[in-house]
Amino acid sequence: MPTSHNLPSGQPGDAAWRKSTYSAAHNECVEIADLPNAIAVRDSKSVSHQPLVLPRSSFTDFITGCRTGHWDTPD
């Protein structure tokens, strides 16, 4: 299971964030940024919050979990 990690010093300002194409028509936007050894994920409405940073080796597992509802909560 992916874990969050602290961003290395200086990385957030240098990151080039991209918005998910699936989020374009909705207010629930997710952005990702490629870091040297990781992928950062953040909510575009909360850019001041620390992003979730995943090792590149865990990013695919994270996306699979999102697609399959692994982290969904009951309504």
PDB file of N, CA and C in Angstrom:
ATOM      1  N   MET A   1       0.856  -1.183   0.000  1.00  0.00           N
ATOM      2  CA  MET A   1       0.000   0.000   0.000  1.00  0.00           C
ATOM      3  C   MET A   1       0.892   1.232   0.000  1.00  0.00           C
ATOM      4  N   PRO A   2       0.553   2.247  -0.789  1.00  0.00           N
ATOM      5  CA  PRO A   2       1.366   3.456  -0.839  1.00  0.00           C
ATOM      6  C   PRO A   2       1.334   4.196   0.494  1.00  0.00           C
ATOM      7  N   THR A   3       2.393   4.892   0.739  1.00  0.00           N
ATOM      8  CA  THR A   3       2.456   5.733   1.932  1.00  0.00           C
ATOM      9  C   THR A   3       2.812   7.139   1.501  1.00  0.00           C
ATOM     10  N   SER A   4       2.542   8.102   2.371  1.00  0.00           N
ATOM     11  CA  SER A   4       2.919   9.473   2.039  1.00  0.00           C
ATOM     12  C   SER A   4       4.316   9.740   2.564  1.00  0.00           C
ATOM     13  N   HIS A   5       4.998  10.625   1.922  1.00  0.00           N
ATOM     14  CA  HIS A   5       6.354  11.011   2.289  1.00  0.00           C
ATOM     15  C   HIS A   5       6.446  12.525   2.255  1.00  0.00           C
ATOM     16  N   ASN A   6       7.327  13.084   3.021  1.00  0.00           N
ATOM     17  CA  ASN A   6       7.549  14.519   2.961  1.00  0.00           C
ATOM     18  C   ASN A   6       8.249  14.863   1.659  1.00  0.00           C
ATOM     19  N   LEU A   7       7.856  15.976   1.073  1.00  0.00           N
ATOM     20  CA  LEU A   7       8.544  16.440  -0.129  1.00  0.00           C
ATOM     21  C   LEU A   7       9.934  16.912   0.241  1.00  0.00           C
ATOM     22  N   PRO A   8      10.915  16.617  -0.578  1.00  0.00           N
ATOM     23  CA  PRO A   8      12.243  17.155  -0.321  1.00  0.00           C
ATOM     24  C   PRO A   8      12.216  18.670  -0.353  1.00  0.00           C
ATOM     25  N   SER A   9      13.068  19.298   0.381  1.00  0.00           N
ATOM     26  CA  SER A   9      13.130  20.753   0.454  1.00  0.00           C
ATOM     27  C   SER A   9      13.253  21.342  -0.941  1.00  0.00           C
ATOM     28  N   GLY A  10      12.430  22.347  -1.223  1.00  0.00           N
ATOM     29  CA  GLY A  10      12.505  23.047  -2.502  1.00  0.00           C
ATOM     30  C   GLY A  10      11.688  22.422  -3.609  1.00  0.00           C
ATOM     31  N   GLN A  11      11.202  21.208  -3.473  1.00  0.00           N
ATOM     32  CA  GLN A  11      10.494  20.538  -4.554  1.00  0.00           C
ATOM     33  C   GLN A  11       9.143  21.158  -4.910  1.00  0.00           C
ATOM     34  N   PRO A  12       8.295  21.543  -3.953  1.00  0.00           N
ATOM     35  CA  PRO A  12       6.962  22.024  -4.357  1.00  0.00           C
ATOM     36  C   PRO A  12       7.001  23.206  -5.319  1.00  0.00           C
ATOM     37  N   GLY A  13       7.880  24.145  -5.097  1.00  0.00           N
ATOM     38  CA  GLY A  13       7.957  25.305  -5.978  1.00  0.00           C
ATOM     39  C   GLY A  13       8.477  24.971  -7.351  1.00  0.00           C
ATOM     40  N   ASP A  14       9.256  23.902  -7.451  1.00  0.00           N
ATOM     41  CA  ASP A  14       9.841  23.519  -8.727  1.00  0.00           C
ATOM     42  C   ASP A  14       8.962  22.569  -9.529  1.00  0.00           C
ATOM     43  N   ALA A  15       7.964  21.997  -8.881  1.00  0.00           N
ATOM     44  CA  ALA A  15       7.148  20.979  -9.536  1.00  0.00           C
ATOM     45  C   ALA A  15       6.255  21.595 -10.612  1.00  0.00           C
ATOM     46  N   ALA A  16       6.115  20.873 -11.716  1.00  0.00           N
ATOM     47  CA  ALA A  16       5.195  21.266 -12.786  1.00  0.00           C
ATOM     48  C   ALA A  16       3.942  20.408 -12.617  1.00  0.00           C
ATOM     49  N   TRP A  17       2.881  20.995 -12.091  1.00  0.00           N
ATOM     50  CA  TRP A  17       1.650  20.273 -11.805  1.00  0.00           C
ATOM     51  C   TRP A  17       0.785  20.166 -13.054  1.00  0.00           C
ATOM     52  N   ARG A  18       0.168  18.989 -13.243  1.00  0.00           N
ATOM     53  CA  ARG A  18      -0.750  18.752 -14.368  1.00  0.00           C
ATOM     54  C   ARG A  18      -2.089  18.305 -13.803  1.00  0.00           C
ATOM     55  N   LYS A  19      -3.168  18.856 -14.355  1.00  0.00           N
ATOM     56  CA  LYS A  19      -4.514  18.473 -13.928  1.00  0.00           C
ATOM     57  C   LYS A  19      -4.963  17.253 -14.713  1.00  0.00           C
ATOM     58  N   SER A  20      -5.640  16.343 -14.044  1.00  0.00           N
ATOM     59  CA  SER A  20      -6.189  15.169 -14.693  1.00  0.00           C
ATOM     60  C   SER A  20      -7.181  15.586 -15.775  1.00  0.00           C
ATOM     61  N   THR A  21      -7.115  14.951 -16.933  1.00  0.00           N
ATOM     62  CA  THR A  21      -8.064  15.240 -18.007  1.00  0.00           C
ATOM     63  C   THR A  21      -9.469  14.798 -17.625  1.00  0.00           C
ATOM     64  N   TYR A  22      -9.595  13.859 -16.698  1.00  0.00           N
ATOM     65  CA  TYR A  22     -10.907  13.408 -16.230  1.00  0.00           C
ATOM     66  C   TYR A  22     -11.568  14.446 -15.336  1.00  0.00           C
ATOM     67  N   SER A  23     -10.802  15.402 -14.836  1.00  0.00           N
ATOM     68  CA  SER A  23     -11.319  16.414 -13.918  1.00  0.00           C
ATOM     69  C   SER A  23     -11.755  17.691 -14.623  1.00  0.00           C
ATOM     70  N   ALA A  24     -11.503  17.820 -15.886  1.00  0.00           N
ATOM     71  CA  ALA A  24     -11.675  19.077 -16.607  1.00  0.00           C
ATOM     72  C   ALA A  24     -13.057  19.698 -16.453  1.00  0.00           C
ATOM     73  N   ALA A  25     -14.112  18.903 -16.486  1.00  0.00           N
ATOM     74  CA  ALA A  25     -15.467  19.458 -16.451  1.00  0.00           C
ATOM     75  C   ALA A  25     -16.070  19.476 -15.046  1.00  0.00           C
ATOM     76  N   HIS A  26     -15.301  19.087 -14.053  1.00  0.00           N
ATOM     77  CA  HIS A  26     -15.826  18.983 -12.696  1.00  0.00           C
ATOM     78  C   HIS A  26     -15.009  19.843 -11.739  1.00  0.00           C
ATOM     79  N   ASN A  27     -15.556  20.087 -10.565  1.00  0.00           N
ATOM     80  CA  ASN A  27     -14.826  20.848  -9.545  1.00  0.00           C
ATOM     81  C   ASN A  27     -13.917  19.966  -8.696  1.00  0.00           C
ATOM     82  N   GLU A  28     -13.954  18.666  -8.898  1.00  0.00           N
ATOM     83  CA  GLU A  28     -13.144  17.728  -8.126  1.00  0.00           C
ATOM     84  C   GLU A  28     -11.881  17.404  -8.919  1.00  0.00           C
ATOM     85  N   CYS A  29     -10.908  18.302  -8.868  1.00  0.00           N
ATOM     86  CA  CYS A  29      -9.717  18.180  -9.705  1.00  0.00           C
ATOM     87  C   CYS A  29      -8.543  17.589  -8.935  1.00  0.00           C
ATOM     88  N   VAL A  30      -7.856  16.704  -9.583  1.00  0.00           N
ATOM     89  CA  VAL A  30      -6.640  16.111  -9.053  1.00  0.00           C
ATOM     90  C   VAL A  30      -5.496  16.544  -9.949  1.00  0.00           C
ATOM     91  N   GLU A  31      -4.385  16.917  -9.334  1.00  0.00           N
ATOM     92  CA  GLU A  31      -3.195  17.291 -10.090  1.00  0.00           C
ATOM     93  C   GLU A  31      -2.059  16.372  -9.681  1.00  0.00           C
ATOM     94  N   ILE A  32      -1.157  16.101 -10.630  1.00  0.00           N
ATOM     95  CA  ILE A  32       0.036  15.318 -10.327  1.00  0.00           C
ATOM     96  C   ILE A  32       1.265  16.078 -10.803  1.00  0.00           C
ATOM     97  N   ALA A  33       2.388  15.754 -10.191  1.00  0.00           N
ATOM     98  CA  ALA A  33       3.662  16.346 -10.584  1.00  0.00           C
ATOM     99  C   ALA A  33       4.726  15.257 -10.552  1.00  0.00           C
ATOM    100  N   ASP A  34       5.557  15.240 -11.577  1.00  0.00           N
ATOM    101  CA  ASP A  34       6.692  14.315 -11.612  1.00  0.00           C
ATOM    102  C   ASP A  34       7.823  14.915 -10.802  1.00  0.00           C
ATOM    103  N   LEU A  35       8.299  14.162  -9.818  1.00  0.00           N
ATOM    104  CA  LEU A  35       9.463  14.545  -9.027  1.00  0.00           C
ATOM    105  C   LEU A  35      10.592  13.597  -9.392  1.00  0.00           C
ATOM    106  N   PRO A  36      11.820  13.889  -9.012  1.00  0.00           N
ATOM    107  CA  PRO A  36      12.940  13.046  -9.425  1.00  0.00           C
ATOM    108  C   PRO A  36      12.748  11.546  -9.157  1.00  0.00           C
ATOM    109  N   ASN A  37      12.236  11.169  -7.994  1.00  0.00           N
ATOM    110  CA  ASN A  37      12.085   9.753  -7.671  1.00  0.00           C
ATOM    111  C   ASN A  37      10.676   9.418  -7.194  1.00  0.00           C
ATOM    112  N   ALA A  38       9.714  10.287  -7.493  1.00  0.00           N
ATOM    113  CA  ALA A  38       8.366  10.093  -6.969  1.00  0.00           C
ATOM    114  C   ALA A  38       7.348  10.818  -7.837  1.00  0.00           C
ATOM    115  N   ILE A  39       6.075  10.569  -7.514  1.00  0.00           N
ATOM    116  CA  ILE A  39       4.958  11.274  -8.128  1.00  0.00           C
ATOM    117  C   ILE A  39       4.187  11.932  -6.988  1.00  0.00           C
ATOM    118  N   ALA A  40       3.886  13.217  -7.124  1.00  0.00           N
ATOM    119  CA  ALA A  40       3.119  13.937  -6.118  1.00  0.00           C
ATOM    120  C   ALA A  40       1.685  14.096  -6.620  1.00  0.00           C
ATOM    121  N   VAL A  41       0.721  13.975  -5.705  1.00  0.00           N
ATOM    122  CA  VAL A  41      -0.701  14.083  -6.021  1.00  0.00           C
ATOM    123  C   VAL A  41      -1.313  15.097  -5.066  1.00  0.00           C
ATOM    124  N   ARG A  42      -2.127  16.021  -5.612  1.00  0.00           N
ATOM    125  CA  ARG A  42      -2.781  17.000  -4.745  1.00  0.00           C
ATOM    126  C   ARG A  42      -4.159  17.350  -5.276  1.00  0.00           C
ATOM    127  N   ASP A  43      -4.966  17.928  -4.405  1.00  0.00           N
ATOM    128  CA  ASP A  43      -6.285  18.451  -4.739  1.00  0.00           C
ATOM    129  C   ASP A  43      -6.079  19.873  -5.242  1.00  0.00           C
ATOM    130  N   SER A  44      -6.553  20.183  -6.429  1.00  0.00           N
ATOM    131  CA  SER A  44      -6.312  21.513  -7.000  1.00  0.00           C
ATOM    132  C   SER A  44      -6.992  22.623  -6.208  1.00  0.00           C
ATOM    133  N   LYS A  45      -7.992  22.286  -5.402  1.00  0.00           N
ATOM    134  CA  LYS A  45      -8.653  23.294  -4.574  1.00  0.00           C
ATOM    135  C   LYS A  45      -7.900  23.543  -3.266  1.00  0.00           C
ATOM    136  N   SER A  46      -6.925  22.701  -2.954  1.00  0.00           N
ATOM    137  CA  SER A  46      -6.187  22.808  -1.690  1.00  0.00           C
ATOM    138  C   SER A  46      -4.682  22.773  -1.939  1.00  0.00           C
ATOM    139  N   VAL A  47      -4.219  23.627  -2.834  1.00  0.00           N
ATOM    140  CA  VAL A  47      -2.813  23.586  -3.229  1.00  0.00           C
ATOM    141  C   VAL A  47      -1.859  23.963  -2.100  1.00  0.00           C
ATOM    142  N   SER A  48      -2.357  24.608  -1.055  1.00  0.00           N
ATOM    143  CA  SER A  48      -1.472  24.965   0.052  1.00  0.00           C
ATOM    144  C   SER A  48      -1.227  23.778   0.987  1.00  0.00           C
ATOM    145  N   HIS A  49      -2.037  22.735   0.871  1.00  0.00           N
ATOM    146  CA  HIS A  49      -1.837  21.540   1.690  1.00  0.00           C
ATOM    147  C   HIS A  49      -0.721  20.689   1.102  1.00  0.00           C
ATOM    148  N   GLN A  50      -0.043  19.967   1.955  1.00  0.00           N
ATOM    149  CA  GLN A  50       1.044  19.105   1.488  1.00  0.00           C
ATOM    150  C   GLN A  50       0.466  17.979   0.629  1.00  0.00           C
ATOM    151  N   PRO A  51       1.041  17.727  -0.530  1.00  0.00           N
ATOM    152  CA  PRO A  51       0.519  16.672  -1.402  1.00  0.00           C
ATOM    153  C   PRO A  51       0.911  15.284  -0.900  1.00  0.00           C
ATOM    154  N   LEU A  52       0.224  14.296  -1.414  1.00  0.00           N
ATOM    155  CA  LEU A  52       0.598  12.904  -1.204  1.00  0.00           C
ATOM    156  C   LEU A  52       1.739  12.622  -2.171  1.00  0.00           C
ATOM    157  N   VAL A  53       2.844  12.107  -1.670  1.00  0.00           N
ATOM    158  CA  VAL A  53       3.999  11.815  -2.519  1.00  0.00           C
ATOM    159  C   VAL A  53       4.249  10.310  -2.478  1.00  0.00           C
ATOM    160  N   LEU A  54       4.212   9.707  -3.655  1.00  0.00           N
ATOM    161  CA  LEU A  54       4.360   8.260  -3.770  1.00  0.00           C
ATOM    162  C   LEU A  54       5.630   7.918  -4.523  1.00  0.00           C
ATOM    163  N   PRO A  55       6.374   6.902  -4.062  1.00  0.00           N
ATOM    164  CA  PRO A  55       7.497   6.423  -4.866  1.00  0.00           C
ATOM    165  C   PRO A  55       6.964   5.987  -6.234  1.00  0.00           C
ATOM    166  N   ARG A  56       7.742   6.180  -7.259  1.00  0.00           N
ATOM    167  CA  ARG A  56       7.302   5.802  -8.609  1.00  0.00           C
ATOM    168  C   ARG A  56       6.847   4.342  -8.654  1.00  0.00           C
ATOM    169  N   SER A  57       7.504   3.477  -7.908  1.00  0.00           N
ATOM    170  CA  SER A  57       7.167   2.054  -7.916  1.00  0.00           C
ATOM    171  C   SER A  57       5.788   1.785  -7.319  1.00  0.00           C
ATOM    172  N   SER A  58       5.229   2.701  -6.533  1.00  0.00           N
ATOM    173  CA  SER A  58       3.913   2.522  -5.900  1.00  0.00           C
ATOM    174  C   SER A  58       2.795   3.264  -6.614  1.00  0.00           C
ATOM    175  N   PHE A  59       3.118   4.141  -7.549  1.00  0.00           N
ATOM    176  CA  PHE A  59       2.097   4.979  -8.170  1.00  0.00           C
ATOM    177  C   PHE A  59       1.056   4.154  -8.927  1.00  0.00           C
ATOM    178  N   THR A  60       1.474   3.145  -9.669  1.00  0.00           N
ATOM    179  CA  THR A  60       0.536   2.305 -10.408  1.00  0.00           C
ATOM    180  C   THR A  60      -0.419   1.599  -9.457  1.00  0.00           C
ATOM    181  N   ASP A  61       0.097   1.104  -8.327  1.00  0.00           N
ATOM    182  CA  ASP A  61      -0.763   0.459  -7.333  1.00  0.00           C
ATOM    183  C   ASP A  61      -1.774   1.457  -6.769  1.00  0.00           C
ATOM    184  N   PHE A  62      -1.343   2.680  -6.547  1.00  0.00           N
ATOM    185  CA  PHE A  62      -2.236   3.723  -6.051  1.00  0.00           C
ATOM    186  C   PHE A  62      -3.376   3.981  -7.044  1.00  0.00           C
ATOM    187  N   ILE A  63      -3.046   4.125  -8.319  1.00  0.00           N
ATOM    188  CA  ILE A  63      -4.055   4.378  -9.355  1.00  0.00           C
ATOM    189  C   ILE A  63      -5.012   3.194  -9.453  1.00  0.00           C
ATOM    190  N   THR A  64      -4.490   1.982  -9.393  1.00  0.00           N
ATOM    191  CA  THR A  64      -5.344   0.792  -9.435  1.00  0.00           C
ATOM    192  C   THR A  64      -6.312   0.792  -8.260  1.00  0.00           C
ATOM    193  N   GLY A  65      -5.835   1.137  -7.074  1.00  0.00           N
ATOM    194  CA  GLY A  65      -6.694   1.214  -5.896  1.00  0.00           C
ATOM    195  C   GLY A  65      -7.787   2.255  -6.050  1.00  0.00           C
ATOM    196  N   CYS A  66      -7.446   3.377  -6.650  1.00  0.00           N
ATOM    197  CA  CYS A  66      -8.458   4.427  -6.894  1.00  0.00           C
ATOM    198  C   CYS A  66      -9.520   3.931  -7.862  1.00  0.00           C
ATOM    199  N   ARG A  67      -9.083   3.290  -8.925  1.00  0.00           N
ATOM    200  CA  ARG A  67     -10.031   2.823  -9.944  1.00  0.00           C
ATOM    201  C   ARG A  67     -10.947   1.724  -9.431  1.00  0.00           C
ATOM    202  N   THR A  68     -10.454   0.892  -8.530  1.00  0.00           N
ATOM    203  CA  THR A  68     -11.245  -0.236  -8.036  1.00  0.00           C
ATOM    204  C   THR A  68     -12.039   0.105  -6.779  1.00  0.00           C
ATOM    205  N   GLY A  69     -11.911   1.340  -6.275  1.00  0.00           N
ATOM    206  CA  GLY A  69     -12.665   1.754  -5.111  1.00  0.00           C
ATOM    207  C   GLY A  69     -12.079   1.311  -3.786  1.00  0.00           C
ATOM    208  N   HIS A  70     -10.816   0.933  -3.785  1.00  0.00           N
ATOM    209  CA  HIS A  70     -10.158   0.442  -2.570  1.00  0.00           C
ATOM    210  C   HIS A  70     -10.277   1.410  -1.401  1.00  0.00           C
ATOM    211  N   TRP A  71     -10.217   2.710  -1.661  1.00  0.00           N
ATOM    212  CA  TRP A  71     -10.251   3.705  -0.594  1.00  0.00           C
ATOM    213  C   TRP A  71     -11.613   4.384  -0.459  1.00  0.00           C
ATOM    214  N   ASP A  72     -12.621   3.907  -1.185  1.00  0.00           N
ATOM    215  CA  ASP A  72     -13.953   4.490  -1.072  1.00  0.00           C
ATOM    216  C   ASP A  72     -14.515   4.254   0.329  1.00  0.00           C
ATOM    217  N   THR A  73     -15.291   5.215   0.795  1.00  0.00           N
ATOM    218  CA  THR A  73     -15.949   5.074   2.092  1.00  0.00           C
ATOM    219  C   THR A  73     -17.452   4.931   1.859  1.00  0.00           C
ATOM    220  N   PRO A  74     -18.135   4.201   2.717  1.00  0.00           N
ATOM    221  CA  PRO A  74     -19.587   4.063   2.533  1.00  0.00           C
ATOM    222  C   PRO A  74     -20.272   5.413   2.710  1.00  0.00           C
ATOM    223  N   ASP A  75     -21.322   5.619   1.966  1.00  0.00           N
ATOM    224  CA  ASP A  75     -22.091   6.880   2.065  1.00  0.00           C
ATOM    225  C   ASP A  75     -22.912   6.930   3.326  1.00  0.00           C
TER     226      ASP A  75
END
